[in-house]
């Protein structure tokens, strides 16, 4: 068994991972991932685990770096899951590597941190993201990667744009990646980018909790947390949400787009119950039996839409992009695991 848990840098990364995993402005639910390269092994967050748990339970999976990179270069389908390259002796829990393991492997940095920063997503959800980001990120070594499905397709797109000095990646309709020699430097980059991209969220009218309670009575739904209702009560946020899904985890945990219910209409009783219902002008309802990731991603949607204006040139995910995510076995596995906090 490896002594990686005694490695000071590994411990530092675990503590930082737990910190950002508990910060909904950076990570929501099972989203985001971190990694450390040591002696030819890539220690990367396991699929479906929560970064907030990094300091209290094993969530990192050891992956042999050289054969994984060789498989990626050769177009070997085994690179998709990286399961064949796991060091089983150091993975007693049988965890699967993150679906974004190839991204971590391909970057040359010792420490890589990937977050779903709400400030970054608000910029990365635009048709003109790369041009718009030029001013706030001026002076930094950054690159913009237009949306492409996570996994090897995204990794190859990154490799095509990566320059020797690049240590910041803004992923279109997705999030932020930084690379550094240690955790402290990576944390500083995350903080710098988040600060430079900070947008002031609009204040939303309060929810009509009495009306929502009447609507939800006797149903499978309950009122969402107060900070989620802005999706329905802020007309601009609602207009943005109606355009569609803007990032992968929205599709995975909430389904494509949003499902609306008119304030005077009964809740749907037949067919699969959507995890989230938006009642325009009143607020949001979540299924009582929804996985923890649903509330986290509903909060993310409220945070992102509060920072966007429908008059901007926004770029929701295409229907084919949503479908590719919904049919992806790796995401089905991650969602199943993420349902167990």
C-alpha atoms as a PDB file:
ATOM      1  CA  UNK A   1       0.000   0.000   0.000  1.00  0.00           C
ATOM      2  CA  UNK A   2       1.352   3.398  -0.971  1.00  0.00           C
ATOM      3  CA  UNK A   3       2.303   5.920   1.688  1.00  0.00           C
ATOM      4  CA  UNK A   4       0.775   8.772  -0.303  1.00  0.00           C
ATOM      5  CA  UNK A   5      -1.399   9.875   2.608  1.00  0.00           C
ATOM      6  CA  UNK A   6       1.791  10.860   4.451  1.00  0.00           C
ATOM      7  CA  UNK A   7       2.918  13.075   1.562  1.00  0.00           C
ATOM      8  CA  UNK A   8       2.685  16.754   2.662  1.00  0.00           C
ATOM      9  CA  UNK A   9       1.520  17.879  -0.775  1.00  0.00           C
ATOM     10  CA  UNK A  10      -1.143  15.182  -0.903  1.00  0.00           C
ATOM     11  CA  UNK A  11      -2.413  16.290   2.508  1.00  0.00           C
ATOM     12  CA  UNK A  12      -2.378  19.936   1.410  1.00  0.00           C
ATOM     13  CA  UNK A  13      -4.395  19.058  -1.686  1.00  0.00           C
ATOM     14  CA  UNK A  14      -6.878  17.048   0.381  1.00  0.00           C
ATOM     15  CA  UNK A  15      -7.466  19.993   2.709  1.00  0.00           C
ATOM     16  CA  UNK A  16      -7.827  22.429  -0.183  1.00  0.00           C
ATOM     17  CA  UNK A  17     -10.145  20.029  -2.013  1.00  0.00           C
ATOM     18  CA  UNK A  18     -12.371  19.813   1.061  1.00  0.00           C
ATOM     19  CA  UNK A  19     -12.428  23.600   1.345  1.00  0.00           C
ATOM     20  CA  UNK A  20     -13.451  24.275  -2.241  1.00  0.00           C
ATOM     21  CA  UNK A  21     -15.813  21.311  -2.157  1.00  0.00           C
ATOM     22  CA  UNK A  22     -17.738  23.073   0.599  1.00  0.00           C
ATOM     23  CA  UNK A  23     -17.864  26.359  -1.347  1.00  0.00           C
ATOM     24  CA  UNK A  24     -20.912  26.375  -3.630  1.00  0.00           C
ATOM     25  CA  UNK A  25     -19.426  29.236  -5.635  1.00  0.00           C
ATOM     26  CA  UNK A  26     -16.689  26.845  -6.815  1.00  0.00           C
ATOM     27  CA  UNK A  27     -18.055  23.300  -6.576  1.00  0.00           C
ATOM     28  CA  UNK A  28     -21.564  21.896  -6.493  1.00  0.00           C
ATOM     29  CA  UNK A  29     -22.286  18.385  -5.287  1.00  0.00           C
ATOM     30  CA  UNK A  30     -20.067  15.787  -6.932  1.00  0.00           C
ATOM     31  CA  UNK A  31     -18.692  18.295  -9.430  1.00  0.00           C
ATOM     32  CA  UNK A  32     -15.106  19.427  -9.780  1.00  0.00           C
ATOM     33  CA  UNK A  33     -11.965  17.367  -9.383  1.00  0.00           C
ATOM     34  CA  UNK A  34      -8.353  17.697  -8.246  1.00  0.00           C
ATOM     35  CA  UNK A  35      -5.196  15.700  -8.836  1.00  0.00           C
ATOM     36  CA  UNK A  36      -1.557  15.245  -7.869  1.00  0.00           C
ATOM     37  CA  UNK A  37       1.192  13.571  -9.903  1.00  0.00           C
ATOM     38  CA  UNK A  38       3.751  11.611  -7.888  1.00  0.00           C
ATOM     39  CA  UNK A  39       6.354   9.084  -9.128  1.00  0.00           C
ATOM     40  CA  UNK A  40       4.524   8.231 -12.330  1.00  0.00           C
ATOM     41  CA  UNK A  41       1.153   7.942 -10.613  1.00  0.00           C
ATOM     42  CA  UNK A  42      -1.754  10.339 -11.056  1.00  0.00           C
ATOM     43  CA  UNK A  43      -3.840  10.612  -7.897  1.00  0.00           C
ATOM     44  CA  UNK A  44      -7.188  11.935  -9.104  1.00  0.00           C
ATOM     45  CA  UNK A  45     -10.595  12.385  -7.512  1.00  0.00           C
ATOM     46  CA  UNK A  46     -12.860   9.382  -7.908  1.00  0.00           C
ATOM     47  CA  UNK A  47     -15.967   9.637 -10.041  1.00  0.00           C
ATOM     48  CA  UNK A  48     -19.134  10.448  -8.110  1.00  0.00           C
ATOM     49  CA  UNK A  49     -17.361  11.402  -4.886  1.00  0.00           C
ATOM     50  CA  UNK A  50     -17.640  14.841  -3.294  1.00  0.00           C
ATOM     51  CA  UNK A  51     -14.574  17.034  -2.929  1.00  0.00           C
ATOM     52  CA  UNK A  52     -15.859  18.261   0.423  1.00  0.00           C
ATOM     53  CA  UNK A  53     -15.079  14.763   1.793  1.00  0.00           C
ATOM     54  CA  UNK A  54     -11.428  14.807   0.715  1.00  0.00           C
ATOM     55  CA  UNK A  55     -10.062  15.410   4.216  1.00  0.00           C
ATOM     56  CA  UNK A  56     -12.156  12.759   5.964  1.00  0.00           C
ATOM     57  CA  UNK A  57     -12.431   9.795   3.585  1.00  0.00           C
ATOM     58  CA  UNK A  58     -10.449   8.303   0.678  1.00  0.00           C
ATOM     59  CA  UNK A  59     -11.713   9.845  -2.564  1.00  0.00           C
ATOM     60  CA  UNK A  60      -8.511   9.776  -4.638  1.00  0.00           C
ATOM     61  CA  UNK A  61      -7.727   7.007  -7.135  1.00  0.00           C
ATOM     62  CA  UNK A  62      -4.158   6.118  -8.258  1.00  0.00           C
ATOM     63  CA  UNK A  63      -3.783   5.859 -12.044  1.00  0.00           C
ATOM     64  CA  UNK A  64      -0.632   4.863 -13.953  1.00  0.00           C
ATOM     65  CA  UNK A  65       0.244   7.962 -15.915  1.00  0.00           C
ATOM     66  CA  UNK A  66       2.424   6.657 -18.778  1.00  0.00           C
ATOM     67  CA  UNK A  67       0.089   3.924 -20.087  1.00  0.00           C
ATOM     68  CA  UNK A  68      -2.922   6.238 -19.793  1.00  0.00           C
ATOM     69  CA  UNK A  69      -1.191   8.922 -21.863  1.00  0.00           C
ATOM     70  CA  UNK A  70      -0.126   6.299 -24.395  1.00  0.00           C
ATOM     71  CA  UNK A  71      -3.718   5.082 -24.672  1.00  0.00           C
ATOM     72  CA  UNK A  72      -4.950   8.641 -25.133  1.00  0.00           C
ATOM     73  CA  UNK A  73      -2.402   9.303 -27.889  1.00  0.00           C
ATOM     74  CA  UNK A  74      -3.306   6.057 -29.648  1.00  0.00           C
ATOM     75  CA  UNK A  75      -7.040   6.679 -29.538  1.00  0.00           C
ATOM     76  CA  UNK A  76      -7.419   3.612 -27.322  1.00  0.00           C
ATOM     77  CA  UNK A  77     -11.012   3.535 -25.968  1.00  0.00           C
ATOM     78  CA  UNK A  78      -9.668   2.461 -22.564  1.00  0.00           C
ATOM     79  CA  UNK A  79      -8.605   6.075 -22.008  1.00  0.00           C
ATOM     80  CA  UNK A  80     -12.292   7.012 -21.717  1.00  0.00           C
ATOM     81  CA  UNK A  81     -12.699   5.585 -18.211  1.00  0.00           C
ATOM     82  CA  UNK A  82      -9.002   4.996 -17.322  1.00  0.00           C
ATOM     83  CA  UNK A  83     -10.140   2.018 -15.231  1.00  0.00           C
ATOM     84  CA  UNK A  84      -7.594  -0.316 -16.813  1.00  0.00           C
ATOM     85  CA  UNK A  85      -4.764   1.886 -15.543  1.00  0.00           C
ATOM     86  CA  UNK A  86      -5.786   2.037 -11.880  1.00  0.00           C
ATOM     87  CA  UNK A  87      -3.292   0.735  -9.304  1.00  0.00           C
ATOM     88  CA  UNK A  88      -5.692  -1.736  -7.706  1.00  0.00           C
ATOM     89  CA  UNK A  89      -3.489  -2.387  -4.675  1.00  0.00           C
ATOM     90  CA  UNK A  90      -3.852   1.262  -3.668  1.00  0.00           C
ATOM     91  CA  UNK A  91      -7.571   1.451  -4.441  1.00  0.00           C
ATOM     92  CA  UNK A  92      -9.165  -0.832  -1.833  1.00  0.00           C
ATOM     93  CA  UNK A  93     -12.547   0.839  -2.243  1.00  0.00           C
ATOM     94  CA  UNK A  94     -12.716  -0.064  -5.919  1.00  0.00           C
ATOM     95  CA  UNK A  95     -13.440   3.526  -6.906  1.00  0.00           C
ATOM     96  CA  UNK A  96     -13.444   4.609 -10.537  1.00  0.00           C
ATOM     97  CA  UNK A  97     -11.322   7.545 -11.702  1.00  0.00           C
ATOM     98  CA  UNK A  98     -12.996  10.844 -12.530  1.00  0.00           C
ATOM     99  CA  UNK A  99     -14.518  11.063 -15.996  1.00  0.00           C
ATOM    100  CA  UNK A 100     -12.038  13.886 -16.550  1.00  0.00           C
ATOM    101  CA  UNK A 101      -8.934  11.884 -15.640  1.00  0.00           C
ATOM    102  CA  UNK A 102      -7.366  12.329 -19.090  1.00  0.00           C
ATOM    103  CA  UNK A 103      -7.540  16.103 -18.656  1.00  0.00           C
ATOM    104  CA  UNK A 104      -5.512  15.859 -15.456  1.00  0.00           C
ATOM    105  CA  UNK A 105      -3.078  13.418 -17.028  1.00  0.00           C
ATOM    106  CA  UNK A 106      -2.426  15.515 -20.128  1.00  0.00           C
ATOM    107  CA  UNK A 107      -1.579  18.718 -18.284  1.00  0.00           C
ATOM    108  CA  UNK A 108       2.121  18.897 -17.337  1.00  0.00           C
ATOM    109  CA  UNK A 109       1.534  20.480 -13.927  1.00  0.00           C
ATOM    110  CA  UNK A 110       2.060  18.535 -10.723  1.00  0.00           C
ATOM    111  CA  UNK A 111      -1.215  19.797  -9.234  1.00  0.00           C
ATOM    112  CA  UNK A 112      -4.367  20.326 -11.303  1.00  0.00           C
ATOM    113  CA  UNK A 113      -7.619  21.771  -9.971  1.00  0.00           C
ATOM    114  CA  UNK A 114     -10.885  21.815 -11.922  1.00  0.00           C
ATOM    115  CA  UNK A 115     -13.869  23.707 -10.515  1.00  0.00           C
ATOM    116  CA  UNK A 116     -17.328  24.683 -11.704  1.00  0.00           C
ATOM    117  CA  UNK A 117     -16.846  28.277 -10.604  1.00  0.00           C
ATOM    118  CA  UNK A 118     -20.142  30.155 -11.008  1.00  0.00           C
ATOM    119  CA  UNK A 119     -18.325  33.348 -12.005  1.00  0.00           C
ATOM    120  CA  UNK A 120     -16.423  31.489 -14.717  1.00  0.00           C
ATOM    121  CA  UNK A 121     -19.521  29.667 -15.971  1.00  0.00           C
ATOM    122  CA  UNK A 122     -21.372  32.972 -16.316  1.00  0.00           C
ATOM    123  CA  UNK A 123     -18.646  34.173 -18.702  1.00  0.00           C
ATOM    124  CA  UNK A 124     -18.193  30.798 -20.392  1.00  0.00           C
ATOM    125  CA  UNK A 125     -21.899  30.533 -21.265  1.00  0.00           C
ATOM    126  CA  UNK A 126     -21.605  33.229 -23.933  1.00  0.00           C
ATOM    127  CA  UNK A 127     -21.142  32.923 -27.691  1.00  0.00           C
ATOM    128  CA  UNK A 128     -18.416  35.562 -27.438  1.00  0.00           C
ATOM    129  CA  UNK A 129     -16.707  34.147 -24.334  1.00  0.00           C
ATOM    130  CA  UNK A 130     -13.158  34.195 -25.632  1.00  0.00           C
ATOM    131  CA  UNK A 131     -13.360  37.810 -26.768  1.00  0.00           C
ATOM    132  CA  UNK A 132     -15.209  38.918 -23.629  1.00  0.00           C
ATOM    133  CA  UNK A 133     -12.635  37.269 -21.340  1.00  0.00           C
ATOM    134  CA  UNK A 134      -9.667  39.027 -22.933  1.00  0.00           C
ATOM    135  CA  UNK A 135      -9.964  42.123 -20.768  1.00  0.00           C
ATOM    136  CA  UNK A 136     -10.575  40.637 -17.289  1.00  0.00           C
ATOM    137  CA  UNK A 137      -7.907  37.961 -17.785  1.00  0.00           C
ATOM    138  CA  UNK A 138      -5.312  40.229 -19.390  1.00  0.00           C
ATOM    139  CA  UNK A 139      -1.779  39.455 -18.213  1.00  0.00           C
ATOM    140  CA  UNK A 140      -2.558  35.861 -17.233  1.00  0.00           C
ATOM    141  CA  UNK A 141      -1.446  32.757 -19.165  1.00  0.00           C
ATOM    142  CA  UNK A 142      -4.889  31.489 -20.094  1.00  0.00           C
ATOM    143  CA  UNK A 143      -6.618  29.690 -22.943  1.00  0.00           C
ATOM    144  CA  UNK A 144     -10.281  29.288 -23.844  1.00  0.00           C
ATOM    145  CA  UNK A 145     -11.599  25.905 -24.945  1.00  0.00           C
ATOM    146  CA  UNK A 146     -14.989  25.956 -26.734  1.00  0.00           C
ATOM    147  CA  UNK A 147     -17.490  23.438 -25.397  1.00  0.00           C
ATOM    148  CA  UNK A 148     -16.883  19.810 -26.184  1.00  0.00           C
ATOM    149  CA  UNK A 149     -17.932  16.725 -24.233  1.00  0.00           C
ATOM    150  CA  UNK A 150     -15.802  16.038 -21.136  1.00  0.00           C
ATOM    151  CA  UNK A 151     -13.394  13.126 -21.292  1.00  0.00           C
ATOM    152  CA  UNK A 152     -10.906  12.434 -24.108  1.00  0.00           C
ATOM    153  CA  UNK A 153     -12.656  14.782 -26.596  1.00  0.00           C
ATOM    154  CA  UNK A 154     -12.166  17.724 -24.227  1.00  0.00           C
ATOM    155  CA  UNK A 155      -8.627  16.618 -23.387  1.00  0.00           C
ATOM    156  CA  UNK A 156      -7.635  16.543 -27.057  1.00  0.00           C
ATOM    157  CA  UNK A 157      -9.146  19.995 -27.595  1.00  0.00           C
ATOM    158  CA  UNK A 158      -7.102  21.289 -24.659  1.00  0.00           C
ATOM    159  CA  UNK A 159      -3.886  19.740 -25.969  1.00  0.00           C
ATOM    160  CA  UNK A 160      -4.438  21.446 -29.321  1.00  0.00           C
ATOM    161  CA  UNK A 161      -4.592  24.862 -27.659  1.00  0.00           C
ATOM    162  CA  UNK A 162      -2.141  24.382 -24.807  1.00  0.00           C
ATOM    163  CA  UNK A 163       0.999  26.524 -24.846  1.00  0.00           C
ATOM    164  CA  UNK A 164       4.068  25.914 -22.639  1.00  0.00           C
ATOM    165  CA  UNK A 165       3.185  28.747 -20.251  1.00  0.00           C
ATOM    166  CA  UNK A 166      -0.570  28.110 -20.073  1.00  0.00           C
ATOM    167  CA  UNK A 167      -1.716  27.440 -16.532  1.00  0.00           C
ATOM    168  CA  UNK A 168      -5.360  28.601 -16.728  1.00  0.00           C
ATOM    169  CA  UNK A 169      -8.062  27.044 -18.888  1.00  0.00           C
ATOM    170  CA  UNK A 170     -11.555  28.449 -19.231  1.00  0.00           C
ATOM    171  CA  UNK A 171     -13.790  25.679 -20.527  1.00  0.00           C
ATOM    172  CA  UNK A 172     -16.733  26.904 -22.570  1.00  0.00           C
ATOM    173  CA  UNK A 173     -20.084  26.027 -20.950  1.00  0.00           C
ATOM    174  CA  UNK A 174     -18.231  24.141 -18.256  1.00  0.00           C
ATOM    175  CA  UNK A 175     -15.816  25.750 -15.811  1.00  0.00           C
ATOM    176  CA  UNK A 176     -12.236  26.510 -14.855  1.00  0.00           C
ATOM    177  CA  UNK A 177      -9.014  24.460 -14.737  1.00  0.00           C
ATOM    178  CA  UNK A 178      -5.676  25.575 -13.307  1.00  0.00           C
ATOM    179  CA  UNK A 179      -2.325  23.836 -13.102  1.00  0.00           C
ATOM    180  CA  UNK A 180       0.610  24.560 -10.803  1.00  0.00           C
ATOM    181  CA  UNK A 181       3.602  23.007  -9.080  1.00  0.00           C
ATOM    182  CA  UNK A 182       1.863  22.878  -5.716  1.00  0.00           C
ATOM    183  CA  UNK A 183      -1.531  23.297  -4.095  1.00  0.00           C
ATOM    184  CA  UNK A 184      -0.833  26.790  -2.777  1.00  0.00           C
ATOM    185  CA  UNK A 185      -0.020  28.086  -6.257  1.00  0.00           C
ATOM    186  CA  UNK A 186      -3.090  26.405  -7.742  1.00  0.00           C
ATOM    187  CA  UNK A 187      -5.290  27.887  -5.020  1.00  0.00           C
ATOM    188  CA  UNK A 188      -3.882  31.343  -5.744  1.00  0.00           C
ATOM    189  CA  UNK A 189      -4.737  30.981  -9.438  1.00  0.00           C
ATOM    190  CA  UNK A 190      -8.302  29.896  -8.665  1.00  0.00           C
ATOM    191  CA  UNK A 191      -8.752  32.874  -6.345  1.00  0.00           C
ATOM    192  CA  UNK A 192      -7.273  35.293  -8.884  1.00  0.00           C
ATOM    193  CA  UNK A 193      -9.483  34.159 -11.752  1.00  0.00           C
ATOM    194  CA  UNK A 194     -12.639  34.063  -9.627  1.00  0.00           C
ATOM    195  CA  UNK A 195     -11.939  37.599  -8.392  1.00  0.00           C
ATOM    196  CA  UNK A 196     -11.256  38.948 -11.876  1.00  0.00           C
ATOM    197  CA  UNK A 197     -14.417  37.383 -13.274  1.00  0.00           C
ATOM    198  CA  UNK A 198     -16.660  38.372 -10.383  1.00  0.00           C
ATOM    199  CA  UNK A 199     -20.064  39.627 -11.462  1.00  0.00           C
ATOM    200  CA  UNK A 200     -22.631  41.293  -9.212  1.00  0.00           C
ATOM    201  CA  UNK A 201     -25.724  39.094  -8.935  1.00  0.00           C
ATOM    202  CA  UNK A 202     -29.129  40.720  -9.187  1.00  0.00           C
ATOM    203  CA  UNK A 203     -31.308  40.805  -6.105  1.00  0.00           C
ATOM    204  CA  UNK A 204     -34.444  38.771  -6.710  1.00  0.00           C
ATOM    205  CA  UNK A 205     -37.946  39.345  -5.348  1.00  0.00           C
ATOM    206  CA  UNK A 206     -38.858  36.971  -2.516  1.00  0.00           C
ATOM    207  CA  UNK A 207     -40.658  33.719  -3.164  1.00  0.00           C
ATOM    208  CA  UNK A 208     -44.370  33.335  -2.526  1.00  0.00           C
ATOM    209  CA  UNK A 209     -43.867  30.540  -0.037  1.00  0.00           C
ATOM    210  CA  UNK A 210     -47.539  30.333   0.928  1.00  0.00           C
ATOM    211  CA  UNK A 211     -48.596  29.778  -2.686  1.00  0.00           C
ATOM    212  CA  UNK A 212     -45.789  27.259  -3.199  1.00  0.00           C
ATOM    213  CA  UNK A 213     -46.808  25.335  -0.079  1.00  0.00           C
ATOM    214  CA  UNK A 214     -50.403  25.111  -1.307  1.00  0.00           C
ATOM    215  CA  UNK A 215     -49.221  23.917  -4.716  1.00  0.00           C
ATOM    216  CA  UNK A 216     -46.900  21.290  -3.215  1.00  0.00           C
ATOM    217  CA  UNK A 217     -49.399  19.957  -0.652  1.00  0.00           C
ATOM    218  CA  UNK A 218     -49.868  16.214  -1.030  1.00  0.00           C
ATOM    219  CA  UNK A 219     -47.318  15.979  -3.835  1.00  0.00           C
ATOM    220  CA  UNK A 220     -43.833  14.541  -4.194  1.00  0.00           C
ATOM    221  CA  UNK A 221     -42.396  18.061  -4.020  1.00  0.00           C
ATOM    222  CA  UNK A 222     -41.305  20.505  -1.353  1.00  0.00           C
ATOM    223  CA  UNK A 223     -40.099  24.103  -1.336  1.00  0.00           C
ATOM    224  CA  UNK A 224     -36.515  24.657  -2.423  1.00  0.00           C
ATOM    225  CA  UNK A 225     -34.057  26.528  -0.212  1.00  0.00           C
ATOM    226  CA  UNK A 226     -34.563  30.319  -0.235  1.00  0.00           C
ATOM    227  CA  UNK A 227     -31.526  31.075  -2.416  1.00  0.00           C
ATOM    228  CA  UNK A 228     -32.875  28.874  -5.236  1.00  0.00           C
ATOM    229  CA  UNK A 229     -36.188  30.676  -5.780  1.00  0.00           C
ATOM    230  CA  UNK A 230     -34.536  33.490  -7.753  1.00  0.00           C
ATOM    231  CA  UNK A 231     -34.718  31.278 -10.854  1.00  0.00           C
ATOM    232  CA  UNK A 232     -38.475  31.858 -10.805  1.00  0.00           C
ATOM    233  CA  UNK A 233     -38.873  35.243  -9.129  1.00  0.00           C
ATOM    234  CA  UNK A 234     -36.251  37.233 -11.072  1.00  0.00           C
ATOM    235  CA  UNK A 235     -37.731  37.780 -14.573  1.00  0.00           C
ATOM    236  CA  UNK A 236     -34.280  38.081 -16.166  1.00  0.00           C
ATOM    237  CA  UNK A 237     -32.999  34.910 -14.497  1.00  0.00           C
ATOM    238  CA  UNK A 238     -36.122  33.082 -15.651  1.00  0.00           C
ATOM    239  CA  UNK A 239     -35.626  34.344 -19.204  1.00  0.00           C
ATOM    240  CA  UNK A 240     -32.059  33.019 -19.160  1.00  0.00           C
ATOM    241  CA  UNK A 241     -33.097  29.653 -17.696  1.00  0.00           C
ATOM    242  CA  UNK A 242     -35.745  29.283 -20.395  1.00  0.00           C
ATOM    243  CA  UNK A 243     -33.016  29.362 -23.044  1.00  0.00           C
ATOM    244  CA  UNK A 244     -31.791  25.918 -21.996  1.00  0.00           C
ATOM    245  CA  UNK A 245     -28.927  24.213 -20.158  1.00  0.00           C
ATOM    246  CA  UNK A 246     -25.585  25.990 -20.010  1.00  0.00           C
ATOM    247  CA  UNK A 247     -23.214  23.366 -18.511  1.00  0.00           C
ATOM    248  CA  UNK A 248     -23.004  19.561 -18.218  1.00  0.00           C
ATOM    249  CA  UNK A 249     -23.967  19.061 -14.573  1.00  0.00           C
ATOM    250  CA  UNK A 250     -27.236  20.933 -15.143  1.00  0.00           C
ATOM    251  CA  UNK A 251     -28.193  18.261 -17.687  1.00  0.00           C
ATOM    252  CA  UNK A 252     -26.959  15.363 -15.546  1.00  0.00           C
ATOM    253  CA  UNK A 253     -28.711  16.319 -12.303  1.00  0.00           C
ATOM    254  CA  UNK A 254     -31.657  18.526 -13.347  1.00  0.00           C
ATOM    255  CA  UNK A 255     -32.337  17.264 -16.856  1.00  0.00           C
ATOM    256  CA  UNK A 256     -32.258  19.453 -19.975  1.00  0.00           C
ATOM    257  CA  UNK A 257     -33.500  23.015 -19.481  1.00  0.00           C
ATOM    258  CA  UNK A 258     -36.178  23.649 -16.870  1.00  0.00           C
ATOM    259  CA  UNK A 259     -39.690  22.322 -16.330  1.00  0.00           C
ATOM    260  CA  UNK A 260     -42.222  25.054 -15.610  1.00  0.00           C
ATOM    261  CA  UNK A 261     -45.596  24.824 -13.922  1.00  0.00           C
ATOM    262  CA  UNK A 262     -48.083  27.665 -14.175  1.00  0.00           C
ATOM    263  CA  UNK A 263     -48.984  29.146 -10.766  1.00  0.00           C
ATOM    264  CA  UNK A 264     -52.615  28.053 -11.118  1.00  0.00           C
ATOM    265  CA  UNK A 265     -51.933  24.639 -12.651  1.00  0.00           C
ATOM    266  CA  UNK A 266     -51.767  21.289 -10.832  1.00  0.00           C
ATOM    267  CA  UNK A 267     -48.416  19.576 -10.495  1.00  0.00           C
ATOM    268  CA  UNK A 268     -47.682  16.772 -12.965  1.00  0.00           C
ATOM    269  CA  UNK A 269     -48.952  13.451 -11.625  1.00  0.00           C
ATOM    270  CA  UNK A 270     -48.089  11.125 -14.504  1.00  0.00           C
ATOM    271  CA  UNK A 271     -44.792  10.059 -16.010  1.00  0.00           C
ATOM    272  CA  UNK A 272     -41.348  10.582 -14.474  1.00  0.00           C
ATOM    273  CA  UNK A 273     -41.418  13.388 -11.930  1.00  0.00           C
ATOM    274  CA  UNK A 274     -38.861  16.071 -12.867  1.00  0.00           C
ATOM    275  CA  UNK A 275     -36.341  16.739 -10.082  1.00  0.00           C
ATOM    276  CA  UNK A 276     -37.085  20.483 -10.171  1.00  0.00           C
ATOM    277  CA  UNK A 277     -40.196  22.506 -11.003  1.00  0.00           C
ATOM    278  CA  UNK A 278     -40.087  26.245 -11.655  1.00  0.00           C
ATOM    279  CA  UNK A 279     -43.244  28.203 -10.855  1.00  0.00           C
ATOM    280  CA  UNK A 280     -42.854  31.611 -12.564  1.00  0.00           C
ATOM    281  CA  UNK A 281     -43.191  34.504 -10.165  1.00  0.00           C
ATOM    282  CA  UNK A 282     -43.556  32.234  -7.144  1.00  0.00           C
ATOM    283  CA  UNK A 283     -40.474  30.058  -6.681  1.00  0.00           C
ATOM    284  CA  UNK A 284     -38.999  26.593  -7.110  1.00  0.00           C
ATOM    285  CA  UNK A 285     -40.045  23.136  -5.950  1.00  0.00           C
ATOM    286  CA  UNK A 286     -37.700  20.146  -5.608  1.00  0.00           C
ATOM    287  CA  UNK A 287     -38.636  16.503  -5.341  1.00  0.00           C
ATOM    288  CA  UNK A 288     -38.561  15.315  -1.754  1.00  0.00           C
ATOM    289  CA  UNK A 289     -36.605  12.221  -2.756  1.00  0.00           C
ATOM    290  CA  UNK A 290     -34.138  14.091  -4.963  1.00  0.00           C
ATOM    291  CA  UNK A 291     -30.469  13.233  -4.623  1.00  0.00           C
ATOM    292  CA  UNK A 292     -28.352  15.832  -2.765  1.00  0.00           C
ATOM    293  CA  UNK A 293     -26.783  16.855  -6.064  1.00  0.00           C
ATOM    294  CA  UNK A 294     -30.128  18.151  -7.315  1.00  0.00           C
ATOM    295  CA  UNK A 295     -30.362  20.906  -4.696  1.00  0.00           C
ATOM    296  CA  UNK A 296     -26.705  21.780  -5.260  1.00  0.00           C
ATOM    297  CA  UNK A 297     -27.218  22.159  -9.010  1.00  0.00           C
ATOM    298  CA  UNK A 298     -30.463  24.073  -8.544  1.00  0.00           C
ATOM    299  CA  UNK A 299     -28.508  26.524  -6.387  1.00  0.00           C
ATOM    300  CA  UNK A 300     -25.848  26.709  -9.111  1.00  0.00           C
ATOM    301  CA  UNK A 301     -28.505  27.560 -11.701  1.00  0.00           C
ATOM    302  CA  UNK A 302     -29.826  30.342  -9.474  1.00  0.00           C
ATOM    303  CA  UNK A 303     -26.316  31.704  -8.964  1.00  0.00           C
ATOM    304  CA  UNK A 304     -25.412  31.613 -12.668  1.00  0.00           C
ATOM    305  CA  UNK A 305     -28.673  33.032 -14.013  1.00  0.00           C
ATOM    306  CA  UNK A 306     -28.523  35.867 -11.461  1.00  0.00           C
ATOM    307  CA  UNK A 307     -25.295  36.950 -13.159  1.00  0.00           C
ATOM    308  CA  UNK A 308     -26.546  36.761 -16.742  1.00  0.00           C
ATOM    309  CA  UNK A 309     -28.804  38.937 -18.861  1.00  0.00           C
ATOM    310  CA  UNK A 310     -30.888  37.411 -21.672  1.00  0.00           C
ATOM    311  CA  UNK A 311     -29.811  40.325 -23.870  1.00  0.00           C
ATOM    312  CA  UNK A 312     -26.247  38.955 -23.899  1.00  0.00           C
ATOM    313  CA  UNK A 313     -25.171  36.622 -26.729  1.00  0.00           C
ATOM    314  CA  UNK A 314     -25.704  33.486 -24.657  1.00  0.00           C
ATOM    315  CA  UNK A 315     -24.806  29.994 -25.795  1.00  0.00           C
ATOM    316  CA  UNK A 316     -26.897  27.190 -24.264  1.00  0.00           C
ATOM    317  CA  UNK A 317     -25.896  23.610 -24.937  1.00  0.00           C
ATOM    318  CA  UNK A 318     -27.251  22.209 -28.190  1.00  0.00           C
ATOM    319  CA  UNK A 319     -29.819  19.406 -28.062  1.00  0.00           C
ATOM    320  CA  UNK A 320     -27.258  16.936 -29.416  1.00  0.00           C
ATOM    321  CA  UNK A 321     -24.767  17.973 -26.714  1.00  0.00           C
ATOM    322  CA  UNK A 322     -27.385  17.431 -24.007  1.00  0.00           C
ATOM    323  CA  UNK A 323     -28.304  14.054 -25.463  1.00  0.00           C
ATOM    324  CA  UNK A 324     -24.670  12.954 -25.540  1.00  0.00           C
ATOM    325  CA  UNK A 325     -24.386  13.694 -21.812  1.00  0.00           C
ATOM    326  CA  UNK A 326     -27.636  11.934 -20.936  1.00  0.00           C
ATOM    327  CA  UNK A 327     -26.619   8.780 -22.820  1.00  0.00           C
ATOM    328  CA  UNK A 328     -23.083   8.648 -21.412  1.00  0.00           C
ATOM    329  CA  UNK A 329     -22.526   5.612 -19.173  1.00  0.00           C
ATOM    330  CA  UNK A 330     -19.809   7.391 -17.196  1.00  0.00           C
ATOM    331  CA  UNK A 331     -22.268  10.100 -16.188  1.00  0.00           C
ATOM    332  CA  UNK A 332     -24.929   7.551 -15.207  1.00  0.00           C
ATOM    333  CA  UNK A 333     -22.364   5.979 -12.873  1.00  0.00           C
ATOM    334  CA  UNK A 334     -21.334   9.344 -11.414  1.00  0.00           C
ATOM    335  CA  UNK A 335     -24.934  10.393 -10.800  1.00  0.00           C
ATOM    336  CA  UNK A 336     -25.695   7.103  -9.048  1.00  0.00           C
ATOM    337  CA  UNK A 337     -22.694   7.454  -6.744  1.00  0.00           C
ATOM    338  CA  UNK A 338     -23.395  11.143  -6.117  1.00  0.00           C
ATOM    339  CA  UNK A 339     -26.837  10.244  -4.784  1.00  0.00           C
ATOM    340  CA  UNK A 340     -25.068   8.853  -1.701  1.00  0.00           C
ATOM    341  CA  UNK A 341     -23.556  11.867   0.133  1.00  0.00           C
END
